[in-house]
Amino acid sequence: MNMDTVLGIVRHILTFGGGLLVTKGVVDEGTMTTAVGALVTIIGAVWSVIEKRKRA
């Protein structure tokens, strides 16, 4: 699987989980949107570093 596919799947899983937390009142929508965006960014950055190290 390529990075775009994995990040797409991760984004959907996080969005689903975040939706559940928002529905239950654990967090508000703005906080969840920020958290999901941050996690996807971090995962993408880590994946990029790992891939570049494999090629070197």
PDB file of N, CA and C in Angstrom:
ATOM      1  N   MET A   1       0.840  -1.185   0.000  1.00  0.00           N
ATOM      2  CA  MET A   1       0.000   0.000   0.000  1.00  0.00           C
ATOM      3  C   MET A   1       0.881   1.243   0.000  1.00  0.00           C
ATOM      4  N   ASN A   2       0.424   2.237  -0.715  1.00  0.00           N
ATOM      5  CA  ASN A   2       1.193   3.468  -0.715  1.00  0.00           C
ATOM      6  C   ASN A   2       0.728   4.394   0.410  1.00  0.00           C
ATOM      7  N   MET A   3       1.478   5.458   0.620  1.00  0.00           N
ATOM      8  CA  MET A   3       1.210   6.360   1.736  1.00  0.00           C
ATOM      9  C   MET A   3      -0.157   7.020   1.630  1.00  0.00           C
ATOM     10  N   ASP A   4      -0.564   7.424   0.443  1.00  0.00           N
ATOM     11  CA  ASP A   4      -1.867   8.075   0.274  1.00  0.00           C
ATOM     12  C   ASP A   4      -3.010   7.160   0.692  1.00  0.00           C
ATOM     13  N   THR A   5      -2.918   5.897   0.346  1.00  0.00           N
ATOM     14  CA  THR A   5      -3.962   4.934   0.709  1.00  0.00           C
ATOM     15  C   THR A   5      -4.027   4.747   2.218  1.00  0.00           C
ATOM     16  N   VAL A   6      -2.869   4.554   2.830  1.00  0.00           N
ATOM     17  CA  VAL A   6      -2.827   4.329   4.277  1.00  0.00           C
ATOM     18  C   VAL A   6      -3.334   5.557   5.021  1.00  0.00           C
ATOM     19  N   LEU A   7      -2.882   6.745   4.614  1.00  0.00           N
ATOM     20  CA  LEU A   7      -3.329   7.965   5.289  1.00  0.00           C
ATOM     21  C   LEU A   7      -4.830   8.182   5.106  1.00  0.00           C
ATOM     22  N   GLY A   8      -5.358   7.816   3.966  1.00  0.00           N
ATOM     23  CA  GLY A   8      -6.800   7.917   3.746  1.00  0.00           C
ATOM     24  C   GLY A   8      -7.574   7.010   4.686  1.00  0.00           C
ATOM     25  N   ILE A   9      -7.103   5.787   4.844  1.00  0.00           N
ATOM     26  CA  ILE A   9      -7.751   4.842   5.753  1.00  0.00           C
ATOM     27  C   ILE A   9      -7.649   5.332   7.192  1.00  0.00           C
ATOM     28  N   VAL A  10      -6.460   5.775   7.585  1.00  0.00           N
ATOM     29  CA  VAL A  10      -6.260   6.291   8.945  1.00  0.00           C
ATOM     30  C   VAL A  10      -7.166   7.486   9.202  1.00  0.00           C
ATOM     31  N   ARG A  11      -7.260   8.380   8.233  1.00  0.00           N
ATOM     32  CA  ARG A  11      -8.102   9.572   8.380  1.00  0.00           C
ATOM     33  C   ARG A  11      -9.566   9.176   8.596  1.00  0.00           C
ATOM     34  N   HIS A  12     -10.042   8.193   7.864  1.00  0.00           N
ATOM     35  CA  HIS A  12     -11.428   7.752   8.019  1.00  0.00           C
ATOM     36  C   HIS A  12     -11.654   7.081   9.376  1.00  0.00           C
ATOM     37  N   ILE A  13     -10.711   6.287   9.821  1.00  0.00           N
ATOM     38  CA  ILE A  13     -10.835   5.639  11.133  1.00  0.00           C
ATOM     39  C   ILE A  13     -10.846   6.688  12.238  1.00  0.00           C
ATOM     40  N   LEU A  14      -9.934   7.659  12.155  1.00  0.00           N
ATOM     41  CA  LEU A  14      -9.888   8.719  13.169  1.00  0.00           C
ATOM     42  C   LEU A  14     -11.154   9.566  13.148  1.00  0.00           C
ATOM     43  N   THR A  15     -11.657   9.849  11.957  1.00  0.00           N
ATOM     44  CA  THR A  15     -12.884  10.636  11.849  1.00  0.00           C
ATOM     45  C   THR A  15     -14.065   9.888  12.455  1.00  0.00           C
ATOM     46  N   PHE A  16     -14.146   8.587  12.197  1.00  0.00           N
ATOM     47  CA  PHE A  16     -15.212   7.776  12.771  1.00  0.00           C
ATOM     48  C   PHE A  16     -15.127   7.765  14.299  1.00  0.00           C
ATOM     49  N   GLY A  17     -13.932   7.495  14.817  1.00  0.00           N
ATOM     50  CA  GLY A  17     -13.734   7.488  16.264  1.00  0.00           C
ATOM     51  C   GLY A  17     -14.017   8.852  16.877  1.00  0.00           C
ATOM     52  N   GLY A  18     -13.575   9.904  16.187  1.00  0.00           N
ATOM     53  CA  GLY A  18     -13.838  11.255  16.664  1.00  0.00           C
ATOM     54  C   GLY A  18     -15.318  11.571  16.672  1.00  0.00           C
ATOM     55  N   GLY A  19     -16.025  11.107  15.670  1.00  0.00           N
ATOM     56  CA  GLY A  19     -17.473  11.309  15.615  1.00  0.00           C
ATOM     57  C   GLY A  19     -18.176  10.667  16.794  1.00  0.00           C
ATOM     58  N   LEU A  20     -17.718   9.492  17.161  1.00  0.00           N
ATOM     59  CA  LEU A  20     -18.286   8.826  18.332  1.00  0.00           C
ATOM     60  C   LEU A  20     -18.033   9.635  19.600  1.00  0.00           C
ATOM     61  N   LEU A  21     -16.810  10.136  19.748  1.00  0.00           N
ATOM     62  CA  LEU A  21     -16.479  10.921  20.944  1.00  0.00           C
ATOM     63  C   LEU A  21     -17.268  12.226  21.005  1.00  0.00           C
ATOM     64  N   VAL A  22     -17.465  12.859  19.840  1.00  0.00           N
ATOM     65  CA  VAL A  22     -18.245  14.094  19.800  1.00  0.00           C
ATOM     66  C   VAL A  22     -19.702  13.794  20.141  1.00  0.00           C
ATOM     67  N   THR A  23     -20.238  12.709  19.607  1.00  0.00           N
ATOM     68  CA  THR A  23     -21.628  12.328  19.868  1.00  0.00           C
ATOM     69  C   THR A  23     -21.862  12.053  21.355  1.00  0.00           C
ATOM     70  N   LYS A  24     -20.878  11.434  22.003  1.00  0.00           N
ATOM     71  CA  LYS A  24     -21.015  11.125  23.428  1.00  0.00           C
ATOM     72  C   LYS A  24     -20.707  12.328  24.319  1.00  0.00           C
ATOM     73  N   GLY A  25     -20.248  13.427  23.726  1.00  0.00           N
ATOM     74  CA  GLY A  25     -19.975  14.629  24.495  1.00  0.00           C
ATOM     75  C   GLY A  25     -18.633  14.652  25.191  1.00  0.00           C
ATOM     76  N   VAL A  26     -17.741  13.738  24.803  1.00  0.00           N
ATOM     77  CA  VAL A  26     -16.417  13.679  25.428  1.00  0.00           C
ATOM     78  C   VAL A  26     -15.564  14.876  25.010  1.00  0.00           C
ATOM     79  N   VAL A  27     -15.625  15.230  23.731  1.00  0.00           N
ATOM     80  CA  VAL A  27     -14.899  16.389  23.199  1.00  0.00           C
ATOM     81  C   VAL A  27     -15.815  17.173  22.270  1.00  0.00           C
ATOM     82  N   ASP A  28     -15.430  18.423  21.985  1.00  0.00           N
ATOM     83  CA  ASP A  28     -16.227  19.191  21.034  1.00  0.00           C
ATOM     84  C   ASP A  28     -15.683  19.001  19.615  1.00  0.00           C
ATOM     85  N   GLU A  29     -16.461  19.425  18.647  1.00  0.00           N
ATOM     86  CA  GLU A  29     -16.132  19.190  17.240  1.00  0.00           C
ATOM     87  C   GLU A  29     -14.826  19.854  16.824  1.00  0.00           C
ATOM     88  N   GLY A  30     -14.594  21.073  17.274  1.00  0.00           N
ATOM     89  CA  GLY A  30     -13.376  21.794  16.909  1.00  0.00           C
ATOM     90  C   GLY A  30     -12.122  21.113  17.412  1.00  0.00           C
ATOM     91  N   THR A  31     -12.181  20.638  18.640  1.00  0.00           N
ATOM     92  CA  THR A  31     -11.032  19.930  19.222  1.00  0.00           C
ATOM     93  C   THR A  31     -10.750  18.650  18.446  1.00  0.00           C
ATOM     94  N   MET A  32     -11.795  17.918  18.109  1.00  0.00           N
ATOM     95  CA  MET A  32     -11.606  16.666  17.386  1.00  0.00           C
ATOM     96  C   MET A  32     -11.049  16.902  15.991  1.00  0.00           C
ATOM     97  N   THR A  33     -11.531  17.931  15.317  1.00  0.00           N
ATOM     98  CA  THR A  33     -11.021  18.251  13.978  1.00  0.00           C
ATOM     99  C   THR A  33      -9.531  18.558  14.043  1.00  0.00           C
ATOM    100  N   THR A  34      -9.139  19.334  15.025  1.00  0.00           N
ATOM    101  CA  THR A  34      -7.728  19.676  15.194  1.00  0.00           C
ATOM    102  C   THR A  34      -6.894  18.439  15.515  1.00  0.00           C
ATOM    103  N   ALA A  35      -7.395  17.592  16.401  1.00  0.00           N
ATOM    104  CA  ALA A  35      -6.665  16.385  16.797  1.00  0.00           C
ATOM    105  C   ALA A  35      -6.479  15.425  15.623  1.00  0.00           C
ATOM    106  N   VAL A  36      -7.532  15.209  14.849  1.00  0.00           N
ATOM    107  CA  VAL A  36      -7.433  14.306  13.692  1.00  0.00           C
ATOM    108  C   VAL A  36      -6.435  14.867  12.677  1.00  0.00           C
ATOM    109  N   GLY A  37      -6.506  16.158  12.407  1.00  0.00           N
ATOM    110  CA  GLY A  37      -5.562  16.773  11.470  1.00  0.00           C
ATOM    111  C   GLY A  37      -4.126  16.652  11.943  1.00  0.00           C
ATOM    112  N   ALA A  38      -3.911  16.868  13.232  1.00  0.00           N
ATOM    113  CA  ALA A  38      -2.560  16.762  13.790  1.00  0.00           C
ATOM    114  C   ALA A  38      -2.030  15.334  13.703  1.00  0.00           C
ATOM    115  N   LEU A  39      -2.871  14.367  14.041  1.00  0.00           N
ATOM    116  CA  LEU A  39      -2.436  12.967  13.988  1.00  0.00           C
ATOM    117  C   LEU A  39      -2.096  12.524  12.564  1.00  0.00           C
ATOM    118  N   VAL A  40      -2.909  12.903  11.603  1.00  0.00           N
ATOM    119  CA  VAL A  40      -2.636  12.532  10.213  1.00  0.00           C
ATOM    120  C   VAL A  40      -1.333  13.181   9.744  1.00  0.00           C
ATOM    121  N   THR A  41      -1.093  14.424  10.141  1.00  0.00           N
ATOM    122  CA  THR A  41       0.147  15.110   9.779  1.00  0.00           C
ATOM    123  C   THR A  41       1.358  14.419  10.394  1.00  0.00           C
ATOM    124  N   ILE A  42       1.272  14.068  11.663  1.00  0.00           N
ATOM    125  CA  ILE A  42       2.384  13.395  12.343  1.00  0.00           C
ATOM    126  C   ILE A  42       2.655  12.032  11.723  1.00  0.00           C
ATOM    127  N   ILE A  43       1.610  11.265  11.462  1.00  0.00           N
ATOM    128  CA  ILE A  43       1.780   9.949  10.844  1.00  0.00           C
ATOM    129  C   ILE A  43       2.430  10.079   9.468  1.00  0.00           C
ATOM    130  N   GLY A  44       1.998  11.047   8.687  1.00  0.00           N
ATOM    131  CA  GLY A  44       2.590  11.267   7.370  1.00  0.00           C
ATOM    132  C   GLY A  44       4.049  11.657   7.454  1.00  0.00           C
ATOM    133  N   ALA A  45       4.396  12.498   8.407  1.00  0.00           N
ATOM    134  CA  ALA A  45       5.788  12.927   8.566  1.00  0.00           C
ATOM    135  C   ALA A  45       6.677  11.762   8.990  1.00  0.00           C
ATOM    136  N   VAL A  46       6.205  10.966   9.949  1.00  0.00           N
ATOM    137  CA  VAL A  46       6.988   9.814  10.413  1.00  0.00           C
ATOM    138  C   VAL A  46       7.163   8.807   9.278  1.00  0.00           C
ATOM    139  N   TRP A  47       6.099   8.539   8.551  1.00  0.00           N
ATOM    140  CA  TRP A  47       6.168   7.602   7.426  1.00  0.00           C
ATOM    141  C   TRP A  47       7.188   8.092   6.398  1.00  0.00           C
ATOM    142  N   SER A  48       7.184   9.374   6.106  1.00  0.00           N
ATOM    143  CA  SER A  48       8.105   9.950   5.129  1.00  0.00           C
ATOM    144  C   SER A  48       9.558   9.755   5.562  1.00  0.00           C
ATOM    145  N   VAL A  49       9.840  10.002   6.830  1.00  0.00           N
ATOM    146  CA  VAL A  49      11.201   9.832   7.344  1.00  0.00           C
ATOM    147  C   VAL A  49      11.625   8.371   7.240  1.00  0.00           C
ATOM    148  N   ILE A  50      10.739   7.465   7.610  1.00  0.00           N
ATOM    149  CA  ILE A  50      11.063   6.032   7.546  1.00  0.00           C
ATOM    150  C   ILE A  50      11.349   5.613   6.107  1.00  0.00           C
ATOM    151  N   GLU A  51      10.527   6.038   5.170  1.00  0.00           N
ATOM    152  CA  GLU A  51      10.727   5.685   3.756  1.00  0.00           C
ATOM    153  C   GLU A  51      12.046   6.248   3.220  1.00  0.00           C
ATOM    154  N   LYS A  52      12.390   7.455   3.596  1.00  0.00           N
ATOM    155  CA  LYS A  52      13.633   8.060   3.118  1.00  0.00           C
ATOM    156  C   LYS A  52      14.853   7.345   3.700  1.00  0.00           C
ATOM    157  N   ARG A  53      14.746   6.887   4.927  1.00  0.00           N
ATOM    158  CA  ARG A  53      15.856   6.147   5.534  1.00  0.00           C
ATOM    159  C   ARG A  53      16.037   4.786   4.867  1.00  0.00           C
ATOM    160  N   LYS A  54      14.938   4.154   4.456  1.00  0.00           N
ATOM    161  CA  LYS A  54      15.028   2.859   3.771  1.00  0.00           C
ATOM    162  C   LYS A  54      15.754   3.002   2.448  1.00  0.00           C
ATOM    163  N   ARG A  55      15.516   4.106   1.738  1.00  0.00           N
ATOM    164  CA  ARG A  55      16.134   4.330   0.419  1.00  0.00           C
ATOM    165  C   ARG A  55      17.607   4.666   0.517  1.00  0.00           C
ATOM    166  N   ALA A  56      18.012   5.246   1.641  1.00  0.00           N
ATOM    167  CA  ALA A  56      19.405   5.707   1.792  1.00  0.00           C
ATOM    168  C   ALA A  56      20.367   4.566   2.054  1.00  0.00           C
TER     169      ALA A  56
END
